[in-house]
PDB file of N, CA and C in Angstrom:
ATOM      1  N   UNK A   1      71.895  73.946 101.956  1.00  0.00           N
ATOM      2  CA  UNK A   1      73.244  73.941 101.449  1.00  0.00           C
ATOM      3  C   UNK A   1      73.568  75.306 100.871  1.00  0.00           C
ATOM      4  N   UNK A   2      74.760  75.812 101.169  1.00  0.00           N
ATOM      5  CA  UNK A   2      75.163  77.121 100.672  1.00  0.00           C
ATOM      6  C   UNK A   2      76.035  76.943  99.444  1.00  0.00           C
ATOM      7  N   UNK A   3      75.692  77.644  98.386  1.00  0.00           N
ATOM      8  CA  UNK A   3      76.496  77.609  97.175  1.00  0.00           C
ATOM      9  C   UNK A   3      77.685  78.559  97.277  1.00  0.00           C
ATOM     10  N   UNK A   4      77.478  79.654  97.973  1.00  0.00           N
ATOM     11  CA  UNK A   4      78.550  80.618  98.131  1.00  0.00           C
ATOM     12  C   UNK A   4      78.317  81.396  99.418  1.00  0.00           C
ATOM     13  N   UNK A   5      79.356  81.981  99.889  1.00  0.00           N
ATOM     14  CA  UNK A   5      79.264  82.817 101.081  1.00  0.00           C
ATOM     15  C   UNK A   5      79.878  84.162 100.752  1.00  0.00           C
ATOM     16  N   UNK A   6      79.137  85.188 101.030  1.00  0.00           N
ATOM     17  CA  UNK A   6      79.632  86.534 100.828  1.00  0.00           C
ATOM     18  C   UNK A   6      79.886  87.140 102.190  1.00  0.00           C
ATOM     19  N   UNK A   7      81.080  87.618 102.368  1.00  0.00           N
ATOM     20  CA  UNK A   7      81.431  88.238 103.635  1.00  0.00           C
ATOM     21  C   UNK A   7      81.528  89.730 103.410  1.00  0.00           C
ATOM     22  N   UNK A   8      80.771  90.444 104.188  1.00  0.00           N
ATOM     23  CA  UNK A   8      80.750  91.890 104.062  1.00  0.00           C
ATOM     24  C   UNK A   8      81.161  92.487 105.393  1.00  0.00           C
ATOM     25  N   UNK A   9      82.222  93.218 105.379  1.00  0.00           N
ATOM     26  CA  UNK A   9      82.708  93.838 106.596  1.00  0.00           C
ATOM     27  C   UNK A   9      82.371  95.316 106.533  1.00  0.00           C
ATOM     28  N   UNK A  10      81.433  95.729 107.359  1.00  0.00           N
ATOM     29  CA  UNK A  10      81.017  97.120 107.386  1.00  0.00           C
ATOM     30  C   UNK A  10      81.806  97.849 108.450  1.00  0.00           C
ATOM     31  N   UNK A  11      82.188  99.058 108.147  1.00  0.00           N
ATOM     32  CA  UNK A  11      82.947  99.830 109.123  1.00  0.00           C
ATOM     33  C   UNK A  11      82.318 101.203 109.292  1.00  0.00           C
ATOM     34  N   UNK A  12      82.290 101.654 110.503  1.00  0.00           N
ATOM     35  CA  UNK A  12      81.809 103.000 110.820  1.00  0.00           C
ATOM     36  C   UNK A  12      82.864 103.625 111.709  1.00  0.00           C
ATOM     37  N   UNK A  13      83.525 104.658 111.212  1.00  0.00           N
ATOM     38  CA  UNK A  13      84.622 105.309 111.931  1.00  0.00           C
ATOM     39  C   UNK A  13      85.688 104.295 112.315  1.00  0.00           C
ATOM     40  N   UNK A  14      86.048 103.436 111.400  1.00  0.00           N
ATOM     41  CA  UNK A  14      87.070 102.410 111.552  1.00  0.00           C
ATOM     42  C   UNK A  14      86.757 101.398 112.641  1.00  0.00           C
ATOM     43  N   UNK A  15      85.501 101.311 113.056  1.00  0.00           N
ATOM     44  CA  UNK A  15      85.091 100.281 114.004  1.00  0.00           C
ATOM     45  C   UNK A  15      84.304  99.235 113.243  1.00  0.00           C
ATOM     46  N   UNK A  16      84.517  98.014 113.613  1.00  0.00           N
ATOM     47  CA  UNK A  16      83.793  96.937 112.940  1.00  0.00           C
ATOM     48  C   UNK A  16      82.360  96.939 113.438  1.00  0.00           C
ATOM     49  N   UNK A  17      81.416  97.025 112.507  1.00  0.00           N
ATOM     50  CA  UNK A  17      80.017  97.066 112.872  1.00  0.00           C
ATOM     51  C   UNK A  17      79.402  95.680 112.816  1.00  0.00           C
ATOM     52  N   UNK A  18      79.598  94.974 111.722  1.00  0.00           N
ATOM     53  CA  UNK A  18      78.951  93.673 111.590  1.00  0.00           C
ATOM     54  C   UNK A  18      79.625  92.848 110.516  1.00  0.00           C
ATOM     55  N   UNK A  19      79.417  91.571 110.604  1.00  0.00           N
ATOM     56  CA  UNK A  19      79.848  90.662 109.548  1.00  0.00           C
ATOM     57  C   UNK A  19      78.597  89.915 109.115  1.00  0.00           C
ATOM     58  N   UNK A  20      78.283  90.046 107.859  1.00  0.00           N
ATOM     59  CA  UNK A  20      77.072  89.421 107.344  1.00  0.00           C
ATOM     60  C   UNK A  20      77.435  88.274 106.423  1.00  0.00           C
ATOM     61  N   UNK A  21      76.723  87.181 106.579  1.00  0.00           N
ATOM     62  CA  UNK A  21      76.917  86.034 105.716  1.00  0.00           C
ATOM     63  C   UNK A  21      75.591  85.763 105.026  1.00  0.00           C
ATOM     64  N   UNK A  22      75.635  85.785 103.711  1.00  0.00           N
ATOM     65  CA  UNK A  22      74.414  85.613 102.939  1.00  0.00           C
ATOM     66  C   UNK A  22      74.416  84.231 102.299  1.00  0.00           C
ATOM     67  N   UNK A  23      73.335  83.507 102.499  1.00  0.00           N
ATOM     68  CA  UNK A  23      73.275  82.208 101.851  1.00  0.00           C
ATOM     69  C   UNK A  23      72.373  82.269 100.617  1.00  0.00           C
ATOM     70  N   UNK A  24      72.223  81.165  99.950  1.00  0.00           N
ATOM     71  CA  UNK A  24      71.559  81.127  98.650  1.00  0.00           C
ATOM     72  C   UNK A  24      70.103  81.583  98.725  1.00  0.00           C
ATOM     73  N   UNK A  25      69.404  81.260  99.788  1.00  0.00           N
ATOM     74  CA  UNK A  25      67.979  81.607  99.833  1.00  0.00           C
ATOM     75  C   UNK A  25      67.739  83.047 100.279  1.00  0.00           C
ATOM     76  N   UNK A  26      68.802  83.803 100.455  1.00  0.00           N
ATOM     77  CA  UNK A  26      68.649  85.213 100.744  1.00  0.00           C
ATOM     78  C   UNK A  26      68.566  85.559 102.214  1.00  0.00           C
ATOM     79  N   UNK A  27      68.635  84.581 103.088  1.00  0.00           N
ATOM     80  CA  UNK A  27      68.602  84.882 104.510  1.00  0.00           C
ATOM     81  C   UNK A  27      69.966  85.404 104.939  1.00  0.00           C
ATOM     82  N   UNK A  28      69.956  86.280 105.903  1.00  0.00           N
ATOM     83  CA  UNK A  28      71.189  86.857 106.394  1.00  0.00           C
ATOM     84  C   UNK A  28      71.352  86.453 107.849  1.00  0.00           C
ATOM     85  N   UNK A  29      72.500  85.860 108.159  1.00  0.00           N
ATOM     86  CA  UNK A  29      72.829  85.477 109.523  1.00  0.00           C
ATOM     87  C   UNK A  29      73.984  86.347 109.997  1.00  0.00           C
ATOM     88  N   UNK A  30      73.913  86.765 111.239  1.00  0.00           N
ATOM     89  CA  UNK A  30      75.034  87.510 111.800  1.00  0.00           C
ATOM     90  C   UNK A  30      76.039  86.484 112.293  1.00  0.00           C
ATOM     91  N   UNK A  31      77.237  86.532 111.735  1.00  0.00           N
ATOM     92  CA  UNK A  31      78.283  85.582 112.099  1.00  0.00           C
ATOM     93  C   UNK A  31      78.864  85.963 113.454  1.00  0.00           C
ATOM     94  N   UNK A  32      79.638  85.101 113.974  1.00  0.00           N
ATOM     95  CA  UNK A  32      80.253  85.309 115.267  1.00  0.00           C
ATOM     96  C   UNK A  32      81.197  86.510 115.214  1.00  0.00           C
ATOM     97  N   UNK A  33      80.832  87.570 115.909  1.00  0.00           N
ATOM     98  CA  UNK A  33      81.617  88.810 115.867  1.00  0.00           C
ATOM     99  C   UNK A  33      83.001  88.608 116.477  1.00  0.00           C
ATOM    100  N   UNK A  34      83.136  87.640 117.363  1.00  0.00           N
ATOM    101  CA  UNK A  34      84.457  87.357 117.935  1.00  0.00           C
ATOM    102  C   UNK A  34      85.428  86.885 116.861  1.00  0.00           C
ATOM    103  N   UNK A  35      84.928  86.144 115.878  1.00  0.00           N
ATOM    104  CA  UNK A  35      85.777  85.713 114.767  1.00  0.00           C
ATOM    105  C   UNK A  35      86.259  86.914 113.951  1.00  0.00           C
ATOM    106  N   UNK A  36      85.384  87.893 113.791  1.00  0.00           N
ATOM    107  CA  UNK A  36      85.732  89.101 113.041  1.00  0.00           C
ATOM    108  C   UNK A  36      86.795  89.887 113.799  1.00  0.00           C
ATOM    109  N   UNK A  37      86.602  90.013 115.098  1.00  0.00           N
ATOM    110  CA  UNK A  37      87.582  90.741 115.910  1.00  0.00           C
ATOM    111  C   UNK A  37      88.943  90.060 115.858  1.00  0.00           C
ATOM    112  N   UNK A  38      88.941  88.741 115.954  1.00  0.00           N
ATOM    113  CA  UNK A  38      90.202  87.994 115.902  1.00  0.00           C
ATOM    114  C   UNK A  38      90.875  88.165 114.539  1.00  0.00           C
ATOM    115  N   UNK A  39      90.081  88.150 113.479  1.00  0.00           N
ATOM    116  CA  UNK A  39      90.635  88.346 112.138  1.00  0.00           C
ATOM    117  C   UNK A  39      91.251  89.740 111.998  1.00  0.00           C
ATOM    118  N   UNK A  40      90.601  90.736 112.588  1.00  0.00           N
ATOM    119  CA  UNK A  40      91.133  92.100 112.527  1.00  0.00           C
ATOM    120  C   UNK A  40      92.455  92.196 113.292  1.00  0.00           C
ATOM    121  N   UNK A  41      92.496  91.586 114.472  1.00  0.00           N
ATOM    122  CA  UNK A  41      93.749  91.582 115.243  1.00  0.00           C
ATOM    123  C   UNK A  41      94.868  90.913 114.455  1.00  0.00           C
ATOM    124  N   UNK A  42      94.547  89.788 113.820  1.00  0.00           N
ATOM    125  CA  UNK A  42      95.549  89.082 113.010  1.00  0.00           C
ATOM    126  C   UNK A  42      96.031  89.952 111.848  1.00  0.00           C
ATOM    127  N   UNK A  43      95.102  90.672 111.229  1.00  0.00           N
ATOM    128  CA  UNK A  43      95.465  91.560 110.122  1.00  0.00           C
ATOM    129  C   UNK A  43      96.429  92.640 110.595  1.00  0.00           C
ATOM    130  N   UNK A  44      96.153  93.205 111.754  1.00  0.00           N
ATOM    131  CA  UNK A  44      97.019  94.258 112.272  1.00  0.00           C
ATOM    132  C   UNK A  44      98.387  93.702 112.681  1.00  0.00           C
ATOM    133  N   UNK A  45      98.426  92.503 113.225  1.00  0.00           N
ATOM    134  CA  UNK A  45      99.713  91.884 113.566  1.00  0.00           C
ATOM    135  C   UNK A  45     100.539  91.646 112.302  1.00  0.00           C
ATOM    136  N   UNK A  46      99.869  91.241 111.234  1.00  0.00           N
ATOM    137  CA  UNK A  46     100.571  91.039 109.963  1.00  0.00           C
ATOM    138  C   UNK A  46     101.120  92.366 109.431  1.00  0.00           C
ATOM    139  N   UNK A  47     100.371  93.445 109.628  1.00  0.00           N
ATOM    140  CA  UNK A  47     100.874  94.758 109.218  1.00  0.00           C
ATOM    141  C   UNK A  47     102.124  95.123 110.008  1.00  0.00           C
ATOM    142  N   UNK A  48     102.129  94.807 111.298  1.00  0.00           N
ATOM    143  CA  UNK A  48     103.302  95.102 112.116  1.00  0.00           C
ATOM    144  C   UNK A  48     104.497  94.267 111.677  1.00  0.00           C
ATOM    145  N   UNK A  49     104.244  93.020 111.353  1.00  0.00           N
ATOM    146  CA  UNK A  49     105.325  92.171 110.862  1.00  0.00           C
ATOM    147  C   UNK A  49     105.848  92.716 109.522  1.00  0.00           C
ATOM    148  N   UNK A  50     104.933  93.168 108.677  1.00  0.00           N
ATOM    149  CA  UNK A  50     105.335  93.786 107.408  1.00  0.00           C
ATOM    150  C   UNK A  50     106.149  95.049 107.641  1.00  0.00           C
ATOM    151  N   UNK A  51     105.800  95.787 108.680  1.00  0.00           N
ATOM    152  CA  UNK A  51     106.544  96.990 109.037  1.00  0.00           C
ATOM    153  C   UNK A  51     107.974  96.634 109.433  1.00  0.00           C
ATOM    154  N   UNK A  52     108.126  95.557 110.161  1.00  0.00           N
ATOM    155  CA  UNK A  52     109.460  95.087 110.545  1.00  0.00           C
ATOM    156  C   UNK A  52     110.279  94.708 109.311  1.00  0.00           C
ATOM    157  N   UNK A  53     109.668  93.960 108.410  1.00  0.00           N
ATOM    158  CA  UNK A  53     110.376  93.554 107.182  1.00  0.00           C
ATOM    159  C   UNK A  53     110.741  94.754 106.323  1.00  0.00           C
ATOM    160  N   UNK A  54     109.852  95.742 106.303  1.00  0.00           N
ATOM    161  CA  UNK A  54     110.105  96.942 105.489  1.00  0.00           C
ATOM    162  C   UNK A  54     111.331  97.700 106.004  1.00  0.00           C
ATOM    163  N   UNK A  55     111.461  97.772 107.319  1.00  0.00           N
ATOM    164  CA  UNK A  55     112.647  98.469 107.850  1.00  0.00           C
ATOM    165  C   UNK A  55     113.908  97.640 107.638  1.00  0.00           C
ATOM    166  N   UNK A  56     113.799  96.327 107.744  1.00  0.00           N
ATOM    167  CA  UNK A  56     114.960  95.458 107.522  1.00  0.00           C
ATOM    168  C   UNK A  56     115.553  95.653 106.129  1.00  0.00           C
ATOM    169  N   UNK A  57     114.693  95.895 105.151  1.00  0.00           N
ATOM    170  CA  UNK A  57     115.190  96.076 103.784  1.00  0.00           C
ATOM    171  C   UNK A  57     115.317  97.552 103.399  1.00  0.00           C
ATOM    172  N   UNK A  58     115.258  98.437 104.422  1.00  0.00           N
ATOM    173  CA  UNK A  58     115.407  99.882 104.215  1.00  0.00           C
ATOM    174  C   UNK A  58     114.392 100.448 103.226  1.00  0.00           C
ATOM    175  N   UNK A  59     113.170  99.971 103.344  1.00  0.00           N
ATOM    176  CA  UNK A  59     112.097 100.427 102.456  1.00  0.00           C
ATOM    177  C   UNK A  59     111.378 101.645 103.031  1.00  0.00           C
ATOM    178  N   UNK A  60     110.161 101.823 102.610  1.00  0.00           N
ATOM    179  CA  UNK A  60     109.319 102.965 103.006  1.00  0.00           C
ATOM    180  C   UNK A  60     108.605 102.682 104.328  1.00  0.00           C
ATOM    181  N   UNK A  61     109.345 102.282 105.335  1.00  0.00           N
ATOM    182  CA  UNK A  61     108.734 101.867 106.591  1.00  0.00           C
ATOM    183  C   UNK A  61     108.075 103.018 107.342  1.00  0.00           C
ATOM    184  N   UNK A  62     108.563 104.233 107.190  1.00  0.00           N
ATOM    185  CA  UNK A  62     107.957 105.369 107.906  1.00  0.00           C
ATOM    186  C   UNK A  62     106.551 105.661 107.397  1.00  0.00           C
ATOM    187  N   UNK A  63     106.356 105.566 106.097  1.00  0.00           N
ATOM    188  CA  UNK A  63     105.012 105.760 105.535  1.00  0.00           C
ATOM    189  C   UNK A  63     104.075 104.642 105.984  1.00  0.00           C
ATOM    190  N   UNK A  64     104.619 103.444 106.022  1.00  0.00           N
ATOM    191  CA  UNK A  64     103.842 102.284 106.460  1.00  0.00           C
ATOM    192  C   UNK A  64     103.451 102.436 107.937  1.00  0.00           C
ATOM    193  N   UNK A  65     104.391 102.899 108.747  1.00  0.00           N
ATOM    194  CA  UNK A  65     104.116 103.157 110.164  1.00  0.00           C
ATOM    195  C   UNK A  65     103.032 104.210 110.306  1.00  0.00           C
ATOM    196  N   UNK A  66     103.120 105.268 109.526  1.00  0.00           N
ATOM    197  CA  UNK A  66     102.102 106.322 109.578  1.00  0.00           C
ATOM    198  C   UNK A  66     100.714 105.785 109.239  1.00  0.00           C
ATOM    199  N   UNK A  67     100.629 104.907 108.259  1.00  0.00           N
ATOM    200  CA  UNK A  67      99.313 104.368 107.886  1.00  0.00           C
ATOM    201  C   UNK A  67      98.721 103.525 109.012  1.00  0.00           C
ATOM    202  N   UNK A  68      99.560 102.809 109.745  1.00  0.00           N
ATOM    203  CA  UNK A  68      99.073 102.023 110.890  1.00  0.00           C
ATOM    204  C   UNK A  68      98.607 102.961 111.998  1.00  0.00           C
ATOM    205  N   UNK A  69      99.373 104.001 112.272  1.00  0.00           N
ATOM    206  CA  UNK A  69      98.990 104.962 113.313  1.00  0.00           C
ATOM    207  C   UNK A  69      97.686 105.682 112.955  1.00  0.00           C
ATOM    208  N   UNK A  70      97.523 106.001 111.691  1.00  0.00           N
ATOM    209  CA  UNK A  70      96.283 106.655 111.253  1.00  0.00           C
ATOM    210  C   UNK A  70      95.095 105.729 111.468  1.00  0.00           C
ATOM    211  N   UNK A  71      95.263 104.457 111.158  1.00  0.00           N
ATOM    212  CA  UNK A  71      94.175 103.505 111.388  1.00  0.00           C
ATOM    213  C   UNK A  71      93.845 103.412 112.869  1.00  0.00           C
ATOM    214  N   UNK A  72      94.854 103.399 113.711  1.00  0.00           N
ATOM    215  CA  UNK A  72      94.618 103.336 115.156  1.00  0.00           C
ATOM    216  C   UNK A  72      93.923 104.593 115.675  1.00  0.00           C
ATOM    217  N   UNK A  73      94.213 105.739 115.086  1.00  0.00           N
ATOM    218  CA  UNK A  73      93.565 106.981 115.515  1.00  0.00           C
ATOM    219  C   UNK A  73      92.068 106.945 115.241  1.00  0.00           C
ATOM    220  N   UNK A  74      91.633 106.081 114.335  1.00  0.00           N
ATOM    221  CA  UNK A  74      90.221 105.982 114.002  1.00  0.00           C
ATOM    222  C   UNK A  74      89.389 105.201 115.006  1.00  0.00           C
ATOM    223  N   UNK A  75      90.036 104.578 115.990  1.00  0.00           N
ATOM    224  CA  UNK A  75      89.268 103.855 117.008  1.00  0.00           C
ATOM    225  C   UNK A  75      88.377 104.846 117.753  1.00  0.00           C
ATOM    226  N   UNK A  76      87.187 104.412 118.101  1.00  0.00           N
ATOM    227  CA  UNK A  76      86.284 105.262 118.854  1.00  0.00           C
ATOM    228  C   UNK A  76      86.819 105.438 120.268  1.00  0.00           C
ATOM    229  N   UNK A  77      86.574 106.601 120.836  1.00  0.00           N
ATOM    230  CA  UNK A  77      87.104 106.918 122.162  1.00  0.00           C
ATOM    231  C   UNK A  77      86.679 105.913 123.224  1.00  0.00           C
ATOM    232  N   UNK A  78      85.476 105.399 123.116  1.00  0.00           N
ATOM    233  CA  UNK A  78      84.992 104.447 124.124  1.00  0.00           C
ATOM    234  C   UNK A  78      85.766 103.128 124.087  1.00  0.00           C
ATOM    235  N   UNK A  79      86.489 102.851 123.008  1.00  0.00           N
ATOM    236  CA  UNK A  79      87.276 101.626 122.880  1.00  0.00           C
ATOM    237  C   UNK A  79      88.752 101.828 123.202  1.00  0.00           C
ATOM    238  N   UNK A  80      89.126 103.033 123.542  1.00  0.00           N
ATOM    239  CA  UNK A  80      90.529 103.340 123.800  1.00  0.00           C
ATOM    240  C   UNK A  80      90.855 103.080 125.273  1.00  0.00           C
ATOM    241  N   UNK A  81      91.437 101.916 125.508  1.00  0.00           N
ATOM    242  CA  UNK A  81      91.818 101.505 126.852  1.00  0.00           C
ATOM    243  C   UNK A  81      93.293 101.824 127.089  1.00  0.00           C
ATOM    244  N   UNK A  82      93.770 101.503 128.266  1.00  0.00           N
ATOM    245  CA  UNK A  82      95.183 101.718 128.569  1.00  0.00           C
ATOM    246  C   UNK A  82      96.057 100.902 127.620  1.00  0.00           C
ATOM    247  N   UNK A  83      95.614  99.706 127.242  1.00  0.00           N
ATOM    248  CA  UNK A  83      96.381  98.897 126.288  1.00  0.00           C
ATOM    249  C   UNK A  83      96.420  99.554 124.912  1.00  0.00           C
ATOM    250  N   UNK A  84      95.312 100.189 124.539  1.00  0.00           N
ATOM    251  CA  UNK A  84      95.281 100.907 123.266  1.00  0.00           C
ATOM    252  C   UNK A  84      96.327 102.029 123.275  1.00  0.00           C
ATOM    253  N   UNK A  85      96.311 102.843 124.332  1.00  0.00           N
ATOM    254  CA  UNK A  85      97.246 103.968 124.395  1.00  0.00           C
ATOM    255  C   UNK A  85      98.691 103.488 124.469  1.00  0.00           C
ATOM    256  N   UNK A  86      98.939 102.408 125.194  1.00  0.00           N
ATOM    257  CA  UNK A  86     100.285 101.837 125.257  1.00  0.00           C
ATOM    258  C   UNK A  86     100.732 101.424 123.860  1.00  0.00           C
ATOM    259  N   UNK A  87      99.848 100.737 123.135  1.00  0.00           N
ATOM    260  CA  UNK A  87     100.145 100.314 121.770  1.00  0.00           C
ATOM    261  C   UNK A  87     100.426 101.518 120.874  1.00  0.00           C
ATOM    262  N   UNK A  88      99.548 102.505 120.917  1.00  0.00           N
ATOM    263  CA  UNK A  88      99.685 103.674 120.053  1.00  0.00           C
ATOM    264  C   UNK A  88     101.003 104.408 120.302  1.00  0.00           C
ATOM    265  N   UNK A  89     101.324 104.642 121.568  1.00  0.00           N
ATOM    266  CA  UNK A  89     102.521 105.420 121.866  1.00  0.00           C
ATOM    267  C   UNK A  89     103.802 104.629 121.642  1.00  0.00           C
ATOM    268  N   UNK A  90     103.762 103.326 121.845  1.00  0.00           N
ATOM    269  CA  UNK A  90     104.928 102.504 121.517  1.00  0.00           C
ATOM    270  C   UNK A  90     105.196 102.554 120.016  1.00  0.00           C
ATOM    271  N   UNK A  91     104.120 102.434 119.221  1.00  0.00           N
ATOM    272  CA  UNK A  91     104.292 102.503 117.770  1.00  0.00           C
ATOM    273  C   UNK A  91     104.779 103.881 117.335  1.00  0.00           C
ATOM    274  N   UNK A  92     104.255 104.916 117.964  1.00  0.00           N
ATOM    275  CA  UNK A  92     104.679 106.273 117.620  1.00  0.00           C
ATOM    276  C   UNK A  92     106.170 106.477 117.876  1.00  0.00           C
ATOM    277  N   UNK A  93     106.663 105.863 118.933  1.00  0.00           N
ATOM    278  CA  UNK A  93     108.075 106.013 119.288  1.00  0.00           C
ATOM    279  C   UNK A  93     109.002 105.224 118.363  1.00  0.00           C
ATOM    280  N   UNK A  94     108.471 104.265 117.631  1.00  0.00           N
ATOM    281  CA  UNK A  94     109.303 103.423 116.765  1.00  0.00           C
ATOM    282  C   UNK A  94     110.116 104.229 115.760  1.00  0.00           C
ATOM    283  N   UNK A  95     109.612 105.343 115.368  1.00  0.00           N
ATOM    284  CA  UNK A  95     110.296 106.197 114.381  1.00  0.00           C
ATOM    285  C   UNK A  95     111.682 106.620 114.880  1.00  0.00           C
ATOM    286  N   UNK A  96     111.856 106.674 116.195  1.00  0.00           N
ATOM    287  CA  UNK A  96     113.085 107.215 116.767  1.00  0.00           C
ATOM    288  C   UNK A  96     113.992 106.153 117.393  1.00  0.00           C
ATOM    289  N   UNK A  97     113.632 104.883 117.284  1.00  0.00           N
ATOM    290  CA  UNK A  97     114.380 103.814 117.940  1.00  0.00           C
ATOM    291  C   UNK A  97     115.432 103.210 117.020  1.00  0.00           C
ATOM    292  N   UNK A  98     116.517 102.743 117.633  1.00  0.00           N
ATOM    293  CA  UNK A  98     117.490 101.961 116.875  1.00  0.00           C
ATOM    294  C   UNK A  98     116.816 100.654 116.474  1.00  0.00           C
ATOM    295  N   UNK A  99     117.383  99.964 115.507  1.00  0.00           N
ATOM    296  CA  UNK A  99     116.723  98.765 114.992  1.00  0.00           C
ATOM    297  C   UNK A  99     116.507  97.716 116.074  1.00  0.00           C
ATOM    298  N   UNK A 100     117.462  97.561 116.965  1.00  0.00           N
ATOM    299  CA  UNK A 100     117.339  96.563 118.035  1.00  0.00           C
ATOM    300  C   UNK A 100     116.092  96.808 118.883  1.00  0.00           C
ATOM    301  N   UNK A 101     115.887  98.050 119.317  1.00  0.00           N
ATOM    302  CA  UNK A 101     114.727  98.384 120.138  1.00  0.00           C
ATOM    303  C   UNK A 101     113.450  98.444 119.306  1.00  0.00           C
ATOM    304  N   UNK A 102     113.584  98.863 118.071  1.00  0.00           N
ATOM    305  CA  UNK A 102     112.448  98.903 117.136  1.00  0.00           C
ATOM    306  C   UNK A 102     111.841  97.512 116.994  1.00  0.00           C
ATOM    307  N   UNK A 103     112.690  96.529 116.760  1.00  0.00           N
ATOM    308  CA  UNK A 103     112.242  95.146 116.572  1.00  0.00           C
ATOM    309  C   UNK A 103     111.559  94.632 117.836  1.00  0.00           C
ATOM    310  N   UNK A 104     112.176  94.851 118.990  1.00  0.00           N
ATOM    311  CA  UNK A 104     111.619  94.417 120.273  1.00  0.00           C
ATOM    312  C   UNK A 104     110.260  95.081 120.518  1.00  0.00           C
ATOM    313  N   UNK A 105     110.178  96.365 120.237  1.00  0.00           N
ATOM    314  CA  UNK A 105     108.939  97.114 120.451  1.00  0.00           C
ATOM    315  C   UNK A 105     107.824  96.621 119.542  1.00  0.00           C
ATOM    316  N   UNK A 106     108.140  96.306 118.296  1.00  0.00           N
ATOM    317  CA  UNK A 106     107.110  95.799 117.384  1.00  0.00           C
ATOM    318  C   UNK A 106     106.546  94.469 117.873  1.00  0.00           C
ATOM    319  N   UNK A 107     107.394  93.588 118.393  1.00  0.00           N
ATOM    320  CA  UNK A 107     106.888  92.326 118.914  1.00  0.00           C
ATOM    321  C   UNK A 107     106.038  92.547 120.166  1.00  0.00           C
ATOM    322  N   UNK A 108     106.386  93.525 120.992  1.00  0.00           N
ATOM    323  CA  UNK A 108     105.549  93.869 122.137  1.00  0.00           C
ATOM    324  C   UNK A 108     104.182  94.381 121.664  1.00  0.00           C
ATOM    325  N   UNK A 109     104.197  95.169 120.597  1.00  0.00           N
ATOM    326  CA  UNK A 109     102.945  95.708 120.046  1.00  0.00           C
ATOM    327  C   UNK A 109     102.069  94.599 119.469  1.00  0.00           C
ATOM    328  N   UNK A 110     102.674  93.606 118.865  1.00  0.00           N
ATOM    329  CA  UNK A 110     101.895  92.476 118.357  1.00  0.00           C
ATOM    330  C   UNK A 110     101.159  91.791 119.505  1.00  0.00           C
ATOM    331  N   UNK A 111     101.814  91.656 120.643  1.00  0.00           N
ATOM    332  CA  UNK A 111     101.163  91.060 121.812  1.00  0.00           C
ATOM    333  C   UNK A 111     100.075  91.970 122.378  1.00  0.00           C
ATOM    334  N   UNK A 112     100.284  93.277 122.316  1.00  0.00           N
ATOM    335  CA  UNK A 112      99.271  94.213 122.805  1.00  0.00           C
ATOM    336  C   UNK A 112      97.982  94.131 122.004  1.00  0.00           C
ATOM    337  N   UNK A 113      98.081  93.811 120.720  1.00  0.00           N
ATOM    338  CA  UNK A 113      96.867  93.706 119.904  1.00  0.00           C
ATOM    339  C   UNK A 113      95.925  92.626 120.423  1.00  0.00           C
ATOM    340  N   UNK A 114      96.455  91.631 121.099  1.00  0.00           N
ATOM    341  CA  UNK A 114      95.593  90.605 121.682  1.00  0.00           C
ATOM    342  C   UNK A 114      94.772  91.144 122.846  1.00  0.00           C
ATOM    343  N   UNK A 115      95.220  92.258 123.432  1.00  0.00           N
ATOM    344  CA  UNK A 115      94.560  92.763 124.618  1.00  0.00           C
ATOM    345  C   UNK A 115      93.651  93.959 124.360  1.00  0.00           C
ATOM    346  N   UNK A 116      93.730  94.550 123.167  1.00  0.00           N
ATOM    347  CA  UNK A 116      92.858  95.712 122.930  1.00  0.00           C
ATOM    348  C   UNK A 116      91.497  95.229 122.472  1.00  0.00           C
ATOM    349  N   UNK A 117      90.493  96.034 122.772  1.00  0.00           N
ATOM    350  CA  UNK A 117      89.117  95.690 122.440  1.00  0.00           C
ATOM    351  C   UNK A 117      88.778  96.249 121.060  1.00  0.00           C
ATOM    352  N   UNK A 118      88.527  95.360 120.136  1.00  0.00           N
ATOM    353  CA  UNK A 118      88.161  95.752 118.772  1.00  0.00           C
ATOM    354  C   UNK A 118      86.648  95.673 118.673  1.00  0.00           C
ATOM    355  N   UNK A 119      86.013  96.777 118.331  1.00  0.00           N
ATOM    356  CA  UNK A 119      84.550  96.803 118.236  1.00  0.00           C
ATOM    357  C   UNK A 119      84.116  96.904 116.788  1.00  0.00           C
TER     358      UNK A 119
END
């Protein structure tokens, strides 16, 4: 029986390395890495949704967009697929789009996150 679970997300160059779950007796099990990848994708989709809300209320959306782009630049080159580049460049272009196209593009980017390989 586990009294508590500690989740440790290690990152190396913004890539997910491992998810460790420690139980009471001190044994360490490697959790399902697919769950970690899915959680990361969900986190990034939530950031994109937050970016949409930030622009709707005329907030600091450009700074928020920059922080997302910086995180994406940290992906290792071996993980940068055509979907990654499509996502990155669509997000980069958001700075110059009218709100109608900005909103449409952000929803397209949310769907692209399902197709990129998170390591």
